[in-house]
């Protein structure tokens, strides 16, 4: 429902135009064709709104992927601090990036500039955690 609200906030003029055209058709056309036109207008508005919702979701997914990639790059290129929380969890911080996880878990939560997402512990993320924990152990 939130996507449709966003659609109506951003494209209110399309919904208003469809409503005006529908009211004009109801006033001027007095046959069954009137209802065919009304149904066509409603279907067109729903189709257009559906396409808009898909674009919103795609854009959101791309933004999260870009933030994740930037956070991983920042982890790889900076000095990270490792903190054992004592309850089986840990926190790794490096600049704007924070990793929260449980030892031995397959996924960790990365927070980058206020945006949180869950990623698997593999590749650059695993390397950054191991490097930070190794540096903390050597102190």
Protein backbone atom coordinates (compact mmCIF):
# COMPACT_ATOMS: atom_id res chain seq x y z
CA UNK A 1 0.00 0.00 0.00
CA UNK A 2 2.91 2.34 0.70
CA UNK A 3 4.06 2.08 -2.90
CA UNK A 4 0.65 3.24 -4.13
CA UNK A 5 0.77 6.14 -1.70
CA UNK A 6 4.18 7.11 -3.10
CA UNK A 7 2.75 6.83 -6.61
CA UNK A 8 -0.17 9.13 -5.76
CA UNK A 9 2.15 11.63 -4.05
CA UNK A 10 4.53 11.75 -7.02
CA UNK A 11 2.03 11.38 -9.86
CA UNK A 12 -1.11 12.94 -8.42
CA UNK A 13 -1.75 14.81 -11.66
CA UNK A 14 -2.14 11.52 -13.59
CA UNK A 15 -4.77 10.29 -11.12
CA UNK A 16 -6.52 13.67 -11.23
CA UNK A 17 -6.55 13.68 -15.04
CA UNK A 18 -8.02 10.16 -15.07
CA UNK A 19 -10.72 11.24 -12.62
CA UNK A 20 -11.60 14.33 -14.69
CA UNK A 21 -11.80 12.31 -17.91
CA UNK A 22 -13.96 9.70 -16.16
CA UNK A 23 -16.36 12.38 -14.90
CA UNK A 24 -16.60 13.95 -18.37
CA UNK A 25 -17.34 10.54 -19.90
CA UNK A 26 -20.05 9.86 -17.29
CA UNK A 27 -21.70 13.23 -18.05
CA UNK A 28 -21.52 13.06 -21.85
CA UNK A 29 -21.85 9.40 -22.80
CA UNK A 30 -25.14 7.70 -22.01
CA UNK A 31 -24.63 4.15 -23.25
CA UNK A 32 -22.79 0.99 -22.29
CA UNK A 33 -19.74 2.51 -23.99
CA UNK A 34 -19.49 4.84 -21.01
CA UNK A 35 -18.70 1.93 -18.69
CA UNK A 36 -16.25 0.43 -21.16
CA UNK A 37 -14.38 3.75 -21.26
CA UNK A 38 -14.45 4.05 -17.44
CA UNK A 39 -13.07 0.51 -17.05
CA UNK A 40 -10.36 1.27 -19.65
CA UNK A 41 -9.34 4.44 -17.78
CA UNK A 42 -9.19 2.57 -14.45
CA UNK A 43 -7.19 -0.28 -16.01
CA UNK A 44 -4.77 2.18 -17.59
CA UNK A 45 -4.28 3.98 -14.29
CA UNK A 46 -3.67 0.70 -12.46
CA UNK A 47 -1.20 -0.45 -15.12
CA UNK A 48 0.69 2.85 -15.03
CA UNK A 49 0.77 2.81 -11.23
CA UNK A 50 2.00 -0.79 -11.23
CA UNK A 51 4.84 0.12 -13.56
CA UNK A 52 5.74 3.03 -11.30
CA UNK A 53 5.77 0.79 -8.21
CA UNK A 54 8.12 -1.66 -9.98
CA UNK A 55 10.47 1.21 -10.84
CA UNK A 56 10.44 2.37 -7.21
CA UNK A 57 11.36 -1.11 -5.99
CA UNK A 58 14.11 -1.45 -8.61
CA UNK A 59 15.58 1.93 -7.70
CA UNK A 60 15.51 1.04 -4.00
CA UNK A 61 17.27 -2.26 -4.67
CA UNK A 62 19.95 -0.50 -6.71
CA UNK A 63 20.50 2.07 -3.96
CA UNK A 64 20.93 -0.64 -1.32
CA UNK A 65 23.34 -2.58 -3.55
CA UNK A 66 25.41 0.56 -4.13
CA UNK A 67 25.51 1.32 -0.38
CA UNK A 68 26.53 -2.27 0.36
CA UNK A 69 29.33 -2.15 -2.23
CA UNK A 70 30.58 1.21 -0.92
CA UNK A 71 30.54 -0.08 2.67
CA UNK A 72 32.57 -3.14 1.68
CA UNK A 73 35.07 -0.97 -0.20
CA UNK A 74 35.42 1.28 2.84
CA UNK A 75 35.98 -1.75 5.07
CA UNK A 76 38.68 -3.09 2.79
CA UNK A 77 40.52 0.21 2.59
CA UNK A 78 40.55 1.36 6.20
CA UNK A 79 41.65 0.38 9.68
CA UNK A 80 38.79 -1.36 11.46
CA UNK A 81 38.34 -1.83 15.20
CA UNK A 82 36.96 -5.09 16.58
CA UNK A 83 34.96 -5.34 19.80
CA UNK A 84 33.96 -8.62 21.42
CA UNK A 85 30.68 -7.88 23.19
CA UNK A 86 31.12 -10.82 25.59
CA UNK A 87 27.82 -12.50 24.74
CA UNK A 88 28.98 -14.24 21.57
CA UNK A 89 28.43 -11.19 19.41
CA UNK A 90 30.94 -8.77 17.97
CA UNK A 91 31.05 -5.31 16.45
CA UNK A 92 33.49 -4.10 13.81
CA UNK A 93 33.63 -0.38 13.06
CA UNK A 94 35.52 1.41 10.32
CA UNK A 95 34.58 5.01 9.57
CA UNK A 96 30.88 5.14 8.64
CA UNK A 97 30.62 1.34 8.51
CA UNK A 98 29.52 -0.85 11.40
CA UNK A 99 29.24 -4.65 11.30
CA UNK A 100 27.24 -6.45 13.98
CA UNK A 101 27.20 -10.21 14.08
CA UNK A 102 27.34 -13.41 16.06
CA UNK A 103 30.46 -15.57 16.04
CA UNK A 104 29.97 -18.51 13.68
CA UNK A 105 26.85 -17.05 12.05
CA UNK A 106 26.45 -17.09 8.28
CA UNK A 107 25.15 -13.52 8.05
CA UNK A 108 26.02 -10.16 9.62
CA UNK A 109 24.24 -6.82 9.73
CA UNK A 110 26.12 -3.95 8.11
CA UNK A 111 25.10 -0.37 8.87
CA UNK A 112 26.46 2.26 6.50
CA UNK A 113 25.47 5.90 6.93
CA UNK A 114 22.29 4.93 8.77
CA UNK A 115 21.19 2.26 6.27
CA UNK A 116 21.25 -1.34 7.55
CA UNK A 117 21.28 -4.51 5.49
CA UNK A 118 22.15 -8.15 6.04
CA UNK A 119 24.91 -9.81 4.03
CA UNK A 120 26.50 -13.26 4.07
CA UNK A 121 29.87 -13.66 5.79
CA UNK A 122 32.02 -14.31 2.75
CA UNK A 123 34.60 -12.62 0.58
CA UNK A 124 35.56 -9.07 1.55
CA UNK A 125 33.25 -9.02 4.58
CA UNK A 126 34.82 -12.18 6.02
CA UNK A 127 38.32 -10.84 5.31
CA UNK A 128 37.55 -7.51 7.02
CA UNK A 129 36.15 -9.26 10.11
CA UNK A 130 39.13 -11.62 10.32
CA UNK A 131 41.62 -8.78 9.84
CA UNK A 132 39.94 -6.63 12.51
CA UNK A 133 39.70 -9.52 15.01
CA UNK A 134 43.33 -10.48 14.32
CA UNK A 135 44.47 -6.90 14.92
CA UNK A 136 42.45 -6.75 18.15
CA UNK A 137 43.93 -10.06 19.37
CA UNK A 138 47.50 -8.89 18.72
CA UNK A 139 47.08 -5.81 20.94
